[in-house]
Amino acid sequence: MKYFLLREFRCRCQRGIACDAMPMKVPFLLKLDALREDWGKPLSPTSARRCKLRNTSKEVEGAVKSQHLLGNACDFVFSGPEEARTFALLAEKHGFAGIGLGNRLVHIDDRATRARWIYND
């Protein structure tokens, strides 16, 4: 990857080697790198791969079938609604099937079918 380091995608459970999070999927990472190229500004994932323990924590409250559990999703936080919407539209152009949009939060994933939702952040 040109724009990201693998450590940026680590699970944030703090369990070290006991963490059983799946590795990130290579096709997702390649598509994400191309998206970052077009975005033209630094991006830093706030959440990427997750183990089941992290995904079900009170802090995260992730979906039971979250794409984060499969190493197939990333969340990003932006300065405001306009920047978040602009990024979400660009992610859609890059073919990300799952896109969740909030005032500052954008979730993108590479699931098999198209899905869109709104966060109340």
N, C-alpha and C. Protein backbone atom coordinates (compact mmCIF):
# COMPACT_ATOMS: atom_id res chain seq x y z
N MET A 1 0.83 -1.17 0.00
CA MET A 1 0.00 0.00 0.00
C MET A 1 0.88 1.25 0.00
N LYS A 2 0.38 2.25 -0.66
CA LYS A 2 1.13 3.49 -0.78
C LYS A 2 0.83 4.46 0.37
N TYR A 3 -0.41 4.46 0.85
CA TYR A 3 -0.84 5.51 1.78
C TYR A 3 -1.09 5.06 3.21
N PHE A 4 -1.08 3.78 3.47
CA PHE A 4 -1.41 3.28 4.81
C PHE A 4 -0.35 2.31 5.31
N LEU A 5 -0.24 2.22 6.62
CA LEU A 5 0.59 1.22 7.27
C LEU A 5 -0.34 0.17 7.88
N LEU A 6 0.04 -1.08 7.85
CA LEU A 6 -0.83 -2.14 8.39
C LEU A 6 -1.20 -1.91 9.84
N ARG A 7 -0.31 -1.30 10.60
CA ARG A 7 -0.62 -1.07 12.03
C ARG A 7 -1.81 -0.12 12.23
N GLU A 8 -2.13 0.68 11.22
CA GLU A 8 -3.29 1.57 11.33
C GLU A 8 -4.60 0.80 11.36
N PHE A 9 -4.57 -0.45 10.95
CA PHE A 9 -5.79 -1.26 10.86
C PHE A 9 -5.92 -2.24 12.03
N ARG A 10 -5.06 -2.13 13.02
CA ARG A 10 -5.08 -3.09 14.13
C ARG A 10 -6.38 -2.99 14.93
N CYS A 11 -6.73 -4.09 15.54
CA CYS A 11 -7.86 -4.10 16.48
C CYS A 11 -7.44 -3.31 17.71
N ARG A 12 -8.33 -2.56 18.26
CA ARG A 12 -8.01 -1.70 19.40
C ARG A 12 -8.46 -2.30 20.74
N CYS A 13 -8.50 -3.63 20.79
CA CYS A 13 -8.97 -4.31 22.01
C CYS A 13 -7.95 -4.29 23.14
N GLN A 14 -6.71 -4.00 22.87
CA GLN A 14 -5.64 -3.94 23.88
C GLN A 14 -5.26 -5.31 24.44
N ARG A 15 -5.64 -6.41 23.74
CA ARG A 15 -5.32 -7.75 24.25
C ARG A 15 -4.02 -8.30 23.65
N GLY A 16 -3.36 -7.55 22.80
CA GLY A 16 -2.09 -8.00 22.23
C GLY A 16 -2.23 -9.28 21.43
N ILE A 17 -1.35 -10.25 21.69
CA ILE A 17 -1.37 -11.49 20.90
C ILE A 17 -2.60 -12.35 21.18
N ALA A 18 -3.33 -12.06 22.24
CA ALA A 18 -4.56 -12.80 22.53
C ALA A 18 -5.72 -12.37 21.62
N CYS A 19 -5.56 -11.26 20.91
CA CYS A 19 -6.61 -10.77 20.01
C CYS A 19 -6.74 -11.73 18.83
N ASP A 20 -7.97 -12.10 18.52
CA ASP A 20 -8.21 -13.05 17.42
C ASP A 20 -8.89 -12.38 16.22
N ALA A 21 -8.63 -11.09 16.02
CA ALA A 21 -9.22 -10.38 14.89
C ALA A 21 -8.69 -10.94 13.58
N MET A 22 -9.56 -11.01 12.58
CA MET A 22 -9.18 -11.47 11.24
C MET A 22 -8.26 -10.43 10.61
N PRO A 23 -7.35 -10.86 9.74
CA PRO A 23 -6.53 -9.89 9.01
C PRO A 23 -7.39 -9.10 8.02
N MET A 24 -6.92 -7.93 7.66
CA MET A 24 -7.62 -7.12 6.66
C MET A 24 -7.55 -7.83 5.31
N LYS A 25 -8.64 -7.73 4.55
CA LYS A 25 -8.69 -8.34 3.22
C LYS A 25 -7.91 -7.48 2.22
N VAL A 26 -7.05 -8.13 1.46
CA VAL A 26 -6.19 -7.42 0.52
C VAL A 26 -6.99 -6.63 -0.52
N PRO A 27 -8.04 -7.19 -1.15
CA PRO A 27 -8.80 -6.38 -2.12
C PRO A 27 -9.38 -5.11 -1.52
N PHE A 28 -9.84 -5.18 -0.26
CA PHE A 28 -10.36 -4.00 0.43
C PHE A 28 -9.24 -2.96 0.58
N LEU A 29 -8.07 -3.40 1.03
CA LEU A 29 -6.96 -2.47 1.24
C LEU A 29 -6.51 -1.81 -0.06
N LEU A 30 -6.48 -2.56 -1.14
CA LEU A 30 -6.09 -1.98 -2.43
C LEU A 30 -7.10 -0.94 -2.91
N LYS A 31 -8.38 -1.24 -2.72
CA LYS A 31 -9.42 -0.29 -3.10
C LYS A 31 -9.35 0.95 -2.22
N LEU A 32 -9.07 0.75 -0.94
CA LEU A 32 -8.93 1.87 0.00
C LEU A 32 -7.74 2.75 -0.38
N ASP A 33 -6.65 2.15 -0.79
CA ASP A 33 -5.48 2.92 -1.19
C ASP A 33 -5.79 3.79 -2.42
N ALA A 34 -6.55 3.23 -3.36
CA ALA A 34 -6.95 4.00 -4.56
C ALA A 34 -7.88 5.15 -4.17
N LEU A 35 -8.78 4.90 -3.22
CA LEU A 35 -9.67 5.96 -2.72
C LEU A 35 -8.85 7.07 -2.09
N ARG A 36 -7.87 6.71 -1.28
CA ARG A 36 -7.01 7.72 -0.64
C ARG A 36 -6.25 8.54 -1.68
N GLU A 37 -5.80 7.90 -2.74
CA GLU A 37 -5.10 8.60 -3.83
C GLU A 37 -6.00 9.71 -4.39
N ASP A 38 -7.25 9.37 -4.67
CA ASP A 38 -8.19 10.36 -5.21
C ASP A 38 -8.60 11.40 -4.18
N TRP A 39 -8.66 11.01 -2.91
CA TRP A 39 -9.03 11.95 -1.84
C TRP A 39 -8.01 13.07 -1.75
N GLY A 40 -6.74 12.73 -1.90
CA GLY A 40 -5.69 13.74 -1.96
C GLY A 40 -5.25 14.33 -0.64
N LYS A 41 -5.77 13.80 0.46
CA LYS A 41 -5.40 14.28 1.80
C LYS A 41 -5.17 13.08 2.70
N PRO A 42 -4.42 13.24 3.78
CA PRO A 42 -4.21 12.13 4.71
C PRO A 42 -5.53 11.58 5.27
N LEU A 43 -5.55 10.28 5.48
CA LEU A 43 -6.69 9.59 6.09
C LEU A 43 -6.14 8.67 7.18
N SER A 44 -6.80 8.62 8.30
CA SER A 44 -6.39 7.72 9.36
C SER A 44 -7.63 6.99 9.89
N PRO A 45 -7.67 5.66 9.73
CA PRO A 45 -8.83 4.91 10.22
C PRO A 45 -9.00 5.05 11.73
N THR A 46 -10.23 5.27 12.17
CA THR A 46 -10.50 5.29 13.61
C THR A 46 -10.89 3.91 14.10
N SER A 47 -11.33 3.06 13.18
CA SER A 47 -11.65 1.67 13.49
C SER A 47 -11.55 0.87 12.20
N ALA A 48 -10.92 -0.30 12.29
CA ALA A 48 -10.80 -1.16 11.12
C ALA A 48 -11.11 -2.59 11.55
N ARG A 49 -10.10 -3.44 11.61
CA ARG A 49 -10.38 -4.82 12.01
C ARG A 49 -10.71 -4.88 13.49
N ARG A 50 -11.64 -5.77 13.81
CA ARG A 50 -12.06 -5.94 15.21
C ARG A 50 -12.19 -7.42 15.54
N CYS A 51 -11.85 -7.76 16.76
CA CYS A 51 -12.16 -9.10 17.26
C CYS A 51 -13.60 -9.06 17.79
N LYS A 52 -14.17 -10.21 18.07
CA LYS A 52 -15.55 -10.27 18.57
C LYS A 52 -15.70 -9.53 19.90
N LEU A 53 -14.70 -9.65 20.76
CA LEU A 53 -14.76 -8.98 22.06
C LEU A 53 -14.84 -7.46 21.89
N ARG A 54 -14.00 -6.91 21.04
CA ARG A 54 -14.02 -5.46 20.79
C ARG A 54 -15.32 -5.03 20.13
N ASN A 55 -15.77 -5.82 19.17
CA ASN A 55 -16.98 -5.46 18.42
C ASN A 55 -18.22 -5.40 19.31
N THR A 56 -18.27 -6.24 20.34
CA THR A 56 -19.44 -6.26 21.22
C THR A 56 -19.26 -5.38 22.47
N SER A 57 -18.13 -4.69 22.57
CA SER A 57 -17.90 -3.84 23.74
C SER A 57 -18.88 -2.67 23.77
N LYS A 58 -19.08 -2.11 24.96
CA LYS A 58 -19.98 -0.96 25.12
C LYS A 58 -19.52 0.22 24.28
N GLU A 59 -18.20 0.38 24.15
CA GLU A 59 -17.64 1.49 23.39
C GLU A 59 -17.99 1.41 21.91
N VAL A 60 -18.01 0.20 21.36
CA VAL A 60 -18.21 0.02 19.92
C VAL A 60 -19.66 -0.34 19.58
N GLU A 61 -20.23 -1.30 20.31
CA GLU A 61 -21.59 -1.79 20.04
C GLU A 61 -21.80 -2.10 18.56
N GLY A 62 -20.86 -2.88 17.99
CA GLY A 62 -20.90 -3.22 16.58
C GLY A 62 -21.99 -4.23 16.25
N ALA A 63 -22.36 -4.27 14.98
CA ALA A 63 -23.36 -5.23 14.49
C ALA A 63 -22.83 -6.65 14.62
N VAL A 64 -23.72 -7.59 14.84
CA VAL A 64 -23.34 -9.00 14.99
C VAL A 64 -22.58 -9.50 13.77
N LYS A 65 -23.00 -9.08 12.59
CA LYS A 65 -22.35 -9.50 11.35
C LYS A 65 -21.52 -8.37 10.74
N SER A 66 -20.87 -7.58 11.59
CA SER A 66 -20.09 -6.44 11.16
C SER A 66 -18.98 -6.83 10.18
N GLN A 67 -18.81 -6.03 9.15
CA GLN A 67 -17.73 -6.24 8.19
C GLN A 67 -16.36 -6.01 8.85
N HIS A 68 -16.34 -5.30 9.97
CA HIS A 68 -15.10 -5.11 10.72
C HIS A 68 -14.55 -6.46 11.21
N LEU A 69 -15.45 -7.38 11.53
CA LEU A 69 -15.04 -8.70 12.00
C LEU A 69 -14.36 -9.51 10.90
N LEU A 70 -14.61 -9.15 9.66
CA LEU A 70 -14.07 -9.87 8.51
C LEU A 70 -12.84 -9.19 7.92
N GLY A 71 -12.39 -8.09 8.52
CA GLY A 71 -11.25 -7.35 7.97
C GLY A 71 -11.61 -6.67 6.66
N ASN A 72 -12.85 -6.20 6.58
CA ASN A 72 -13.39 -5.71 5.32
C ASN A 72 -14.05 -4.34 5.48
N ALA A 73 -13.62 -3.55 6.49
CA ALA A 73 -14.28 -2.27 6.76
C ALA A 73 -13.34 -1.31 7.48
N CYS A 74 -13.62 -0.04 7.30
CA CYS A 74 -12.90 1.03 8.02
C CYS A 74 -13.87 2.15 8.33
N ASP A 75 -13.63 2.81 9.45
CA ASP A 75 -14.35 4.02 9.82
C ASP A 75 -13.37 5.19 9.82
N PHE A 76 -13.87 6.35 9.44
CA PHE A 76 -13.08 7.57 9.43
C PHE A 76 -13.91 8.69 10.04
N VAL A 77 -13.25 9.62 10.70
CA VAL A 77 -13.92 10.80 11.26
C VAL A 77 -13.39 12.03 10.54
N PHE A 78 -14.31 12.91 10.14
CA PHE A 78 -13.97 14.11 9.38
C PHE A 78 -14.34 15.36 10.17
N SER A 79 -13.95 16.51 9.64
CA SER A 79 -14.12 17.78 10.35
C SER A 79 -15.59 18.20 10.46
N GLY A 80 -16.43 17.75 9.56
CA GLY A 80 -17.84 18.13 9.61
C GLY A 80 -18.64 17.41 8.54
N PRO A 81 -19.96 17.70 8.49
CA PRO A 81 -20.86 17.01 7.58
C PRO A 81 -20.50 17.13 6.10
N GLU A 82 -20.05 18.29 5.68
CA GLU A 82 -19.74 18.47 4.26
C GLU A 82 -18.56 17.59 3.83
N GLU A 83 -17.52 17.58 4.64
CA GLU A 83 -16.36 16.75 4.31
C GLU A 83 -16.73 15.26 4.37
N ALA A 84 -17.54 14.87 5.35
CA ALA A 84 -17.97 13.47 5.46
C ALA A 84 -18.78 13.06 4.23
N ARG A 85 -19.71 13.90 3.80
CA ARG A 85 -20.54 13.59 2.61
C ARG A 85 -19.67 13.49 1.36
N THR A 86 -18.73 14.40 1.21
CA THR A 86 -17.85 14.39 0.04
C THR A 86 -17.05 13.09 -0.01
N PHE A 87 -16.53 12.66 1.14
CA PHE A 87 -15.78 11.41 1.20
C PHE A 87 -16.68 10.22 0.88
N ALA A 88 -17.87 10.20 1.44
CA ALA A 88 -18.80 9.08 1.19
C ALA A 88 -19.14 8.98 -0.29
N LEU A 89 -19.35 10.09 -0.95
CA LEU A 89 -19.63 10.07 -2.40
C LEU A 89 -18.44 9.54 -3.19
N LEU A 90 -17.24 9.92 -2.79
CA LEU A 90 -16.05 9.42 -3.47
C LEU A 90 -15.89 7.92 -3.23
N ALA A 91 -16.18 7.47 -2.01
CA ALA A 91 -16.11 6.04 -1.70
C ALA A 91 -17.10 5.26 -2.57
N GLU A 92 -18.27 5.83 -2.78
CA GLU A 92 -19.27 5.19 -3.64
C GLU A 92 -18.73 5.07 -5.07
N LYS A 93 -18.09 6.11 -5.56
CA LYS A 93 -17.51 6.08 -6.91
C LYS A 93 -16.43 5.01 -7.03
N HIS A 94 -15.77 4.71 -5.92
CA HIS A 94 -14.73 3.68 -5.92
C HIS A 94 -15.30 2.28 -5.72
N GLY A 95 -16.59 2.18 -5.61
CA GLY A 95 -17.23 0.87 -5.57
C GLY A 95 -17.40 0.23 -4.21
N PHE A 96 -17.24 1.00 -3.14
CA PHE A 96 -17.50 0.42 -1.82
C PHE A 96 -19.00 0.20 -1.67
N ALA A 97 -19.38 -1.01 -1.35
CA ALA A 97 -20.80 -1.38 -1.32
C ALA A 97 -21.51 -0.90 -0.06
N GLY A 98 -20.84 -0.96 1.08
CA GLY A 98 -21.44 -0.53 2.34
C GLY A 98 -20.92 0.83 2.74
N ILE A 99 -21.83 1.78 2.92
CA ILE A 99 -21.43 3.13 3.34
C ILE A 99 -22.41 3.63 4.39
N GLY A 100 -21.86 3.95 5.56
CA GLY A 100 -22.64 4.56 6.62
C GLY A 100 -22.16 5.99 6.81
N LEU A 101 -23.10 6.92 6.92
CA LEU A 101 -22.75 8.34 6.97
C LEU A 101 -23.35 8.99 8.21
N GLY A 102 -22.51 9.72 8.91
CA GLY A 102 -22.95 10.54 10.04
C GLY A 102 -22.54 11.98 9.82
N ASN A 103 -22.66 12.80 10.84
CA ASN A 103 -22.23 14.20 10.73
C ASN A 103 -20.73 14.31 10.50
N ARG A 104 -19.98 13.43 11.15
CA ARG A 104 -18.52 13.43 10.99
C ARG A 104 -17.98 12.05 10.66
N LEU A 105 -18.73 11.00 10.96
CA LEU A 105 -18.29 9.62 10.79
C LEU A 105 -18.69 9.08 9.42
N VAL A 106 -17.75 8.35 8.79
CA VAL A 106 -18.06 7.60 7.58
C VAL A 106 -17.51 6.19 7.75
N HIS A 107 -18.38 5.21 7.57
CA HIS A 107 -18.00 3.80 7.54
C HIS A 107 -18.01 3.36 6.09
N ILE A 108 -16.97 2.64 5.65
CA ILE A 108 -16.99 2.05 4.32
C ILE A 108 -16.61 0.58 4.43
N ASP A 109 -17.24 -0.23 3.59
CA ASP A 109 -16.88 -1.64 3.55
C ASP A 109 -17.09 -2.19 2.15
N ASP A 110 -16.65 -3.41 1.97
CA ASP A 110 -16.67 -4.03 0.66
C ASP A 110 -17.54 -5.29 0.67
N ARG A 111 -18.73 -5.18 1.25
CA ARG A 111 -19.67 -6.31 1.33
C ARG A 111 -20.17 -6.69 -0.06
N ALA A 112 -20.90 -7.78 -0.13
CA ALA A 112 -21.35 -8.31 -1.42
C ALA A 112 -22.51 -7.51 -2.02
N THR A 113 -23.35 -6.92 -1.18
CA THR A 113 -24.51 -6.19 -1.69
C THR A 113 -24.49 -4.75 -1.20
N ARG A 114 -25.11 -3.89 -1.95
CA ARG A 114 -25.14 -2.46 -1.63
C ARG A 114 -25.96 -2.21 -0.36
N ALA A 115 -25.43 -1.37 0.53
CA ALA A 115 -26.14 -0.97 1.75
C ALA A 115 -25.75 0.45 2.10
N ARG A 116 -26.74 1.25 2.51
CA ARG A 116 -26.51 2.62 2.94
C ARG A 116 -27.28 2.85 4.23
N TRP A 117 -26.69 3.61 5.16
CA TRP A 117 -27.37 3.95 6.41
C TRP A 117 -26.82 5.24 6.96
N ILE A 118 -27.56 5.79 7.90
CA ILE A 118 -27.20 7.07 8.54
C ILE A 118 -26.90 6.81 10.01
N TYR A 119 -25.83 7.44 10.52
CA TYR A 119 -25.51 7.42 11.94
C TYR A 119 -26.00 8.71 12.58
N ASN A 120 -26.40 8.62 13.82
CA ASN A 120 -26.75 9.80 14.60
C ASN A 120 -25.58 10.12 15.53
N ASP A 121 -24.52 10.65 14.94
CA ASP A 121 -23.34 11.01 15.75
C ASP A 121 -23.37 12.49 16.01
